[in-house]
């Protein structure tokens, strides 16, 4: 369960949280996935991975979360996105997760594995 003081309501449905270790489970829950430790780690920083299911329960996207580096990698089909300088995460329950930089750029990963980069 998350600490309600950690989240900032943006609207009745959207919650903004810092991109840190505590956000990993919230990200996984929003995308209907299970976060696990990645098979590789950083010295002094934990790395997590989760599979986002597409149609028929088949994996559609692989997310690698590097909270200590403020980085998210997403592989979906032929596309790979490496998104750095993540400052916060917007959680839209049962719809999508938006990884945001201090500026307006964001990486959106939706349930079903759809990936959108707004730069």
C-alpha atoms as a PDB file:
ATOM      1  CA  UNK A   1       0.000   0.000   0.000  1.00  0.00           C
ATOM      2  CA  UNK A   2       1.348   3.425  -0.865  1.00  0.00           C
ATOM      3  CA  UNK A   3       1.663   6.316   1.528  1.00  0.00           C
ATOM      4  CA  UNK A   4      -1.062   8.848   0.585  1.00  0.00           C
ATOM      5  CA  UNK A   5       1.338  11.695   1.394  1.00  0.00           C
ATOM      6  CA  UNK A   6       3.628  10.480  -1.423  1.00  0.00           C
ATOM      7  CA  UNK A   7       1.088  11.031  -4.169  1.00  0.00           C
ATOM      8  CA  UNK A   8      -0.193  14.265  -5.574  1.00  0.00           C
ATOM      9  CA  UNK A   9      -3.673  14.179  -7.146  1.00  0.00           C
ATOM     10  CA  UNK A  10      -3.717  15.661 -10.642  1.00  0.00           C
ATOM     11  CA  UNK A  11      -7.350  14.781 -11.239  1.00  0.00           C
ATOM     12  CA  UNK A  12      -9.741  12.406  -9.504  1.00  0.00           C
ATOM     13  CA  UNK A  13      -8.282   9.559 -11.573  1.00  0.00           C
ATOM     14  CA  UNK A  14      -4.615  10.471 -12.097  1.00  0.00           C
ATOM     15  CA  UNK A  15      -1.984  10.258  -9.355  1.00  0.00           C
ATOM     16  CA  UNK A  16       1.551  11.608  -9.598  1.00  0.00           C
ATOM     17  CA  UNK A  17       4.339   9.918  -7.625  1.00  0.00           C
ATOM     18  CA  UNK A  18       8.129  10.269  -7.581  1.00  0.00           C
ATOM     19  CA  UNK A  19      10.049   7.760  -9.710  1.00  0.00           C
ATOM     20  CA  UNK A  20      11.688   5.680  -6.991  1.00  0.00           C
ATOM     21  CA  UNK A  21      11.650   2.159  -5.559  1.00  0.00           C
ATOM     22  CA  UNK A  22       8.217   2.651  -4.000  1.00  0.00           C
ATOM     23  CA  UNK A  23       6.708   3.556  -7.381  1.00  0.00           C
ATOM     24  CA  UNK A  24       7.709   0.234  -8.998  1.00  0.00           C
ATOM     25  CA  UNK A  25       4.804  -1.742  -7.499  1.00  0.00           C
ATOM     26  CA  UNK A  26       2.349   1.057  -8.327  1.00  0.00           C
ATOM     27  CA  UNK A  27       3.549   1.060 -11.940  1.00  0.00           C
ATOM     28  CA  UNK A  28       3.150  -2.720 -12.170  1.00  0.00           C
ATOM     29  CA  UNK A  29      -0.311  -2.594 -10.607  1.00  0.00           C
ATOM     30  CA  UNK A  30      -1.470   0.129 -13.006  1.00  0.00           C
ATOM     31  CA  UNK A  31      -0.292  -1.922 -16.007  1.00  0.00           C
ATOM     32  CA  UNK A  32      -1.652  -5.221 -14.664  1.00  0.00           C
ATOM     33  CA  UNK A  33       1.837  -6.708 -14.491  1.00  0.00           C
ATOM     34  CA  UNK A  34       4.204  -8.158 -11.908  1.00  0.00           C
ATOM     35  CA  UNK A  35       7.490  -6.386 -11.183  1.00  0.00           C
ATOM     36  CA  UNK A  36      10.535  -8.592 -10.648  1.00  0.00           C
ATOM     37  CA  UNK A  37      14.208  -8.006 -10.088  1.00  0.00           C
ATOM     38  CA  UNK A  38      16.061  -7.847 -13.394  1.00  0.00           C
ATOM     39  CA  UNK A  39      18.608 -10.624 -14.058  1.00  0.00           C
ATOM     40  CA  UNK A  40      21.273  -7.887 -13.907  1.00  0.00           C
ATOM     41  CA  UNK A  41      21.792  -5.221 -11.258  1.00  0.00           C
ATOM     42  CA  UNK A  42      23.717  -2.000 -10.719  1.00  0.00           C
ATOM     43  CA  UNK A  43      26.174  -1.517  -7.904  1.00  0.00           C
ATOM     44  CA  UNK A  44      24.179   0.512  -5.375  1.00  0.00           C
ATOM     45  CA  UNK A  45      20.953   0.482  -7.426  1.00  0.00           C
ATOM     46  CA  UNK A  46      18.225  -2.072  -7.987  1.00  0.00           C
ATOM     47  CA  UNK A  47      16.840  -2.724 -11.481  1.00  0.00           C
ATOM     48  CA  UNK A  48      13.319  -4.092 -12.077  1.00  0.00           C
ATOM     49  CA  UNK A  49      11.558  -5.597 -15.069  1.00  0.00           C
ATOM     50  CA  UNK A  50       7.943  -6.237 -15.905  1.00  0.00           C
ATOM     51  CA  UNK A  51       6.096  -7.703 -18.867  1.00  0.00           C
ATOM     52  CA  UNK A  52       2.973  -5.944 -20.095  1.00  0.00           C
ATOM     53  CA  UNK A  53       0.518  -8.382 -21.639  1.00  0.00           C
ATOM     54  CA  UNK A  54      -1.001  -7.728 -25.036  1.00  0.00           C
ATOM     55  CA  UNK A  55      -3.848  -9.578 -26.727  1.00  0.00           C
ATOM     56  CA  UNK A  56      -4.291 -13.211 -25.838  1.00  0.00           C
ATOM     57  CA  UNK A  57      -2.129 -12.776 -22.732  1.00  0.00           C
ATOM     58  CA  UNK A  58       1.059 -12.673 -24.821  1.00  0.00           C
ATOM     59  CA  UNK A  59       3.758 -10.213 -23.744  1.00  0.00           C
ATOM     60  CA  UNK A  60       3.530  -6.958 -25.719  1.00  0.00           C
ATOM     61  CA  UNK A  61       6.175  -4.855 -23.969  1.00  0.00           C
ATOM     62  CA  UNK A  62       9.112  -5.346 -21.623  1.00  0.00           C
ATOM     63  CA  UNK A  63       9.823  -2.496 -19.210  1.00  0.00           C
ATOM     64  CA  UNK A  64      13.130  -2.177 -17.420  1.00  0.00           C
ATOM     65  CA  UNK A  65      12.984   0.320 -14.562  1.00  0.00           C
ATOM     66  CA  UNK A  66      16.180   1.906 -13.227  1.00  0.00           C
ATOM     67  CA  UNK A  67      14.950   4.228 -10.433  1.00  0.00           C
ATOM     68  CA  UNK A  68      18.480   5.027  -9.209  1.00  0.00           C
ATOM     69  CA  UNK A  69      19.410   6.234 -12.730  1.00  0.00           C
ATOM     70  CA  UNK A  70      15.990   7.851 -13.351  1.00  0.00           C
ATOM     71  CA  UNK A  71      15.761   5.729 -16.513  1.00  0.00           C
ATOM     72  CA  UNK A  72      13.105   3.537 -18.170  1.00  0.00           C
ATOM     73  CA  UNK A  73      13.754   1.175 -21.093  1.00  0.00           C
ATOM     74  CA  UNK A  74      10.803  -0.195 -23.062  1.00  0.00           C
ATOM     75  CA  UNK A  75      10.934  -2.846 -25.763  1.00  0.00           C
ATOM     76  CA  UNK A  76       7.757  -3.388 -27.756  1.00  0.00           C
ATOM     77  CA  UNK A  77       7.806  -5.153 -31.103  1.00  0.00           C
ATOM     78  CA  UNK A  78      10.589  -3.694 -33.251  1.00  0.00           C
ATOM     79  CA  UNK A  79      10.876  -0.509 -31.142  1.00  0.00           C
ATOM     80  CA  UNK A  80      13.170   0.127 -28.193  1.00  0.00           C
ATOM     81  CA  UNK A  81      12.890   3.346 -26.189  1.00  0.00           C
ATOM     82  CA  UNK A  82      15.424   4.493 -23.595  1.00  0.00           C
ATOM     83  CA  UNK A  83      13.937   7.368 -21.602  1.00  0.00           C
ATOM     84  CA  UNK A  84      16.202   9.167 -19.123  1.00  0.00           C
ATOM     85  CA  UNK A  85      15.887  11.985 -16.595  1.00  0.00           C
ATOM     86  CA  UNK A  86      12.524  10.699 -15.322  1.00  0.00           C
ATOM     87  CA  UNK A  87      11.344  13.031 -12.558  1.00  0.00           C
ATOM     88  CA  UNK A  88       7.852  11.735 -11.812  1.00  0.00           C
ATOM     89  CA  UNK A  89       5.274   9.143 -12.793  1.00  0.00           C
ATOM     90  CA  UNK A  90       1.588   9.741 -13.506  1.00  0.00           C
ATOM     91  CA  UNK A  91      -0.600   6.716 -12.840  1.00  0.00           C
ATOM     92  CA  UNK A  92      -3.894   6.468 -14.713  1.00  0.00           C
ATOM     93  CA  UNK A  93      -5.577   3.448 -13.068  1.00  0.00           C
ATOM     94  CA  UNK A  94      -6.138   0.481 -15.393  1.00  0.00           C
ATOM     95  CA  UNK A  95      -5.140   2.574 -18.437  1.00  0.00           C
ATOM     96  CA  UNK A  96      -1.528   3.801 -18.560  1.00  0.00           C
ATOM     97  CA  UNK A  97       1.622   5.022 -16.861  1.00  0.00           C
ATOM     98  CA  UNK A  98       3.241   8.309 -17.899  1.00  0.00           C
ATOM     99  CA  UNK A  99       6.950   8.741 -17.142  1.00  0.00           C
ATOM    100  CA  UNK A 100       7.656  12.487 -17.075  1.00  0.00           C
ATOM    101  CA  UNK A 101      10.766  14.619 -17.301  1.00  0.00           C
ATOM    102  CA  UNK A 102      11.013  18.068 -15.685  1.00  0.00           C
ATOM    103  CA  UNK A 103      10.216  19.538 -19.073  1.00  0.00           C
ATOM    104  CA  UNK A 104       7.115  18.492 -21.037  1.00  0.00           C
ATOM    105  CA  UNK A 105       8.528  15.277 -22.549  1.00  0.00           C
ATOM    106  CA  UNK A 106       6.957  12.009 -21.477  1.00  0.00           C
ATOM    107  CA  UNK A 107       6.965   8.291 -22.189  1.00  0.00           C
ATOM    108  CA  UNK A 108       3.568   6.617 -22.006  1.00  0.00           C
ATOM    109  CA  UNK A 109       3.117   2.872 -21.602  1.00  0.00           C
ATOM    110  CA  UNK A 110      -0.475   1.681 -21.766  1.00  0.00           C
ATOM    111  CA  UNK A 111      -2.093  -1.597 -20.849  1.00  0.00           C
ATOM    112  CA  UNK A 112      -1.877  -3.845 -23.862  1.00  0.00           C
ATOM    113  CA  UNK A 113       1.693  -2.680 -24.505  1.00  0.00           C
ATOM    114  CA  UNK A 114       1.106   0.489 -26.516  1.00  0.00           C
ATOM    115  CA  UNK A 115       4.123   2.822 -26.301  1.00  0.00           C
ATOM    116  CA  UNK A 116       4.026   6.573 -26.965  1.00  0.00           C
ATOM    117  CA  UNK A 117       6.887   9.061 -26.719  1.00  0.00           C
ATOM    118  CA  UNK A 118       6.078  12.755 -26.557  1.00  0.00           C
ATOM    119  CA  UNK A 119       9.204  14.851 -26.985  1.00  0.00           C
END
